[in-house]
Amino acid sequence: MADVPPAHDDALPHLHQWLPLLSESLATQGHFRWQVRGASMTPTLPPGCVITITPPPAQIPLGALLVFAGDDALVVHRLVHRTPHFLVTQGDNRRTPDRWLRADQVLGVVAAAHQDGRRIWPRTWEAARRWRWIGRAGSLWLLRRLQKAATS
């Protein structure tokens, strides 16, 4: 996952210690910057890039990069599907979706990503590119369903 920070690093505060800082920063400054550690969002967000997190809008668009608390780390994954009560996210470098989220579990959305002093996301034509990832997630879901039906 695009986890921030990794749970195994004892030098970094644990999720419950820095989550209030994220919430306070979003409420008072309107943004929070954090470095991505994992590779689940490659090639979109490479490990080591710095993301700018902003509060989630009332209606989160499909393809948005959501930030939510995982088991013990901050997770950044793409919104690939929604139901009336849940949001479905998946890392761009993952073949299966995450467990479903409620909208109130979303801490923020990624507004931008930078690496080596240059902006790497969103790029030109990002609105069109996001549909590639949404389509990929749908295709993988359909493939899993077909494979399950074939083995039943």
Protein backbone atom coordinates (compact mmCIF):
# COMPACT_ATOMS: atom_id res chain seq x y z
CA MET A 1 0.00 0.00 0.00
CA ALA A 2 1.03 3.58 -0.31
CA ASP A 3 1.50 3.61 3.43
CA VAL A 4 2.66 6.63 5.32
CA PRO A 5 4.56 5.97 7.62
CA PRO A 6 5.60 2.31 7.64
CA ALA A 7 4.45 0.57 10.80
CA HIS A 8 7.77 -1.23 11.33
CA ASP A 9 9.77 1.99 11.76
CA ASP A 10 9.90 2.66 15.52
CA ALA A 11 11.43 6.11 14.95
CA LEU A 12 8.18 7.34 13.41
CA PRO A 13 5.05 8.00 15.45
CA HIS A 14 2.29 5.43 15.19
CA LEU A 15 -0.98 6.18 13.43
CA HIS A 16 -2.88 7.10 16.60
CA GLN A 17 -0.14 9.62 17.50
CA TRP A 18 -0.03 11.63 14.29
CA LEU A 19 -3.60 11.27 13.04
CA PRO A 20 -4.72 14.24 15.21
CA LEU A 21 -1.97 16.33 13.58
CA LEU A 22 -3.36 15.51 10.14
CA SER A 23 -6.88 16.47 11.20
CA GLU A 24 -5.73 19.70 12.85
CA SER A 25 -3.61 20.70 9.87
CA LEU A 26 -6.48 20.07 7.45
CA ALA A 27 -8.86 22.10 9.64
CA THR A 28 -6.53 25.05 10.24
CA GLN A 29 -4.30 25.19 7.16
CA GLY A 30 -6.43 23.36 4.59
CA HIS A 31 -3.66 20.93 3.67
CA PHE A 32 -1.15 18.42 5.02
CA ARG A 33 2.03 17.25 3.29
CA TRP A 34 3.36 13.73 3.72
CA GLN A 35 5.88 11.42 2.08
CA VAL A 36 4.62 8.23 0.43
CA ARG A 37 6.52 5.12 1.51
CA GLY A 38 4.86 2.15 -0.23
CA ALA A 39 4.55 1.16 -3.89
CA SER A 40 0.83 0.32 -4.19
CA MET A 41 0.14 3.51 -6.16
CA THR A 42 2.99 3.20 -8.66
CA PRO A 43 3.31 4.40 -11.34
CA THR A 44 1.00 7.27 -10.32
CA LEU A 45 2.69 7.98 -6.97
CA PRO A 46 6.22 6.60 -6.71
CA PRO A 47 7.67 5.79 -3.28
CA GLY A 48 9.35 8.84 -1.79
CA CYS A 49 7.15 11.44 -3.45
CA VAL A 50 5.51 14.05 -1.24
CA ILE A 51 1.74 14.37 -1.43
CA THR A 52 -0.42 17.32 -0.49
CA ILE A 53 -3.59 16.14 1.24
CA THR A 54 -6.66 18.40 1.33
CA PRO A 55 -10.07 17.89 2.98
CA PRO A 56 -12.39 15.64 0.95
CA PRO A 57 -15.11 17.39 -1.06
CA ALA A 58 -18.76 16.65 -0.29
CA GLN A 59 -19.02 14.56 -3.46
CA ILE A 60 -15.76 12.70 -4.14
CA PRO A 61 -15.33 11.99 -7.86
CA LEU A 62 -14.45 8.54 -9.16
CA GLY A 63 -10.74 8.31 -9.77
CA ALA A 64 -9.82 10.62 -6.88
CA LEU A 65 -6.88 9.56 -4.72
CA LEU A 66 -8.31 9.03 -1.24
CA VAL A 67 -6.40 9.11 2.01
CA PHE A 68 -7.67 6.93 4.84
CA ALA A 69 -6.36 5.16 7.92
CA GLY A 70 -5.39 1.54 7.36
CA ASP A 71 -4.65 -0.88 10.16
CA ASP A 72 -1.58 1.00 11.33
CA ALA A 73 -0.69 3.43 8.55
CA LEU A 74 -2.05 6.10 6.30
CA VAL A 75 -3.19 4.65 2.96
CA VAL A 76 -3.51 6.40 -0.39
CA HIS A 77 -5.61 4.53 -2.97
CA ARG A 78 -7.86 5.45 -5.88
CA LEU A 79 -11.66 5.56 -5.65
CA VAL A 80 -12.73 3.03 -8.29
CA HIS A 81 -16.39 2.38 -7.42
CA ARG A 82 -19.12 3.58 -5.10
CA THR A 83 -22.34 2.14 -3.79
CA PRO A 84 -25.05 4.14 -2.00
CA HIS A 85 -23.31 3.51 1.34
CA PHE A 86 -19.71 2.58 0.58
CA LEU A 87 -16.61 3.63 -1.36
CA VAL A 88 -14.36 1.06 -3.04
CA THR A 89 -10.67 1.90 -3.36
CA GLN A 90 -7.79 0.11 -5.00
CA GLY A 91 -4.10 0.84 -5.39
CA ASP A 92 -3.00 1.42 -8.99
CA ASN A 93 -0.39 -1.32 -8.49
CA ARG A 94 -2.85 -3.77 -6.88
CA ARG A 95 -5.02 -6.45 -8.47
CA THR A 96 -7.73 -6.50 -5.81
CA PRO A 97 -9.74 -3.75 -4.11
CA ASP A 98 -9.45 -2.76 -0.47
CA ARG A 99 -12.15 -3.45 2.07
CA TRP A 100 -15.01 -1.04 1.52
CA LEU A 101 -15.02 2.34 3.26
CA ARG A 102 -17.72 4.62 4.54
CA ALA A 103 -17.40 8.24 3.41
CA ASP A 104 -16.68 9.31 7.00
CA GLN A 105 -13.54 7.14 6.99
CA VAL A 106 -11.93 9.28 4.28
CA LEU A 107 -9.47 11.67 5.88
CA GLY A 108 -8.64 13.62 2.74
CA VAL A 109 -7.82 13.54 -0.94
CA VAL A 110 -4.51 14.00 -2.71
CA ALA A 111 -4.39 17.40 -4.38
CA ALA A 112 -0.84 17.15 -5.74
CA ALA A 113 2.34 15.10 -5.60
CA HIS A 114 5.91 16.33 -5.93
CA GLN A 115 9.25 14.62 -6.34
CA ASP A 116 12.68 16.22 -6.56
CA GLY A 117 11.12 19.68 -6.54
CA ARG A 118 8.79 19.11 -9.48
CA ARG A 119 5.11 18.36 -9.65
CA ILE A 120 4.46 14.80 -10.81
CA TRP A 121 0.70 14.55 -10.20
CA PRO A 122 -1.79 15.49 -11.47
CA ARG A 123 -0.36 15.46 -14.94
CA THR A 124 -1.78 16.68 -18.23
CA TRP A 125 -4.91 14.77 -19.17
CA GLU A 126 -5.31 13.41 -15.63
CA ALA A 127 -9.10 13.43 -15.91
CA ALA A 128 -8.85 11.01 -18.85
CA ARG A 129 -6.09 8.92 -17.24
CA ARG A 130 -8.16 8.25 -14.13
CA TRP A 131 -10.68 6.34 -16.27
CA ARG A 132 -7.90 3.95 -17.27
CA TRP A 133 -7.49 2.95 -13.62
CA ILE A 134 -11.23 2.78 -12.99
CA GLY A 135 -11.66 0.59 -16.08
CA ARG A 136 -8.78 -1.64 -15.01
CA ALA A 137 -10.35 -2.16 -11.57
CA GLY A 138 -13.69 -3.05 -13.22
CA SER A 139 -12.02 -5.47 -15.62
CA LEU A 140 -10.15 -7.19 -12.79
CA TRP A 141 -13.40 -7.48 -10.82
CA LEU A 142 -15.14 -9.07 -13.82
CA LEU A 143 -12.23 -11.46 -14.37
CA ARG A 144 -12.36 -12.57 -10.70
CA ARG A 145 -16.13 -13.15 -11.02
CA LEU A 146 -15.69 -15.21 -14.21
CA GLN A 147 -12.91 -17.27 -12.64
CA LYS A 148 -15.04 -17.91 -9.57
CA ALA A 149 -18.01 -18.96 -11.71
CA ALA A 150 -15.81 -21.28 -13.76
CA THR A 151 -14.55 -23.07 -10.64
CA SER A 152 -18.00 -23.39 -9.03
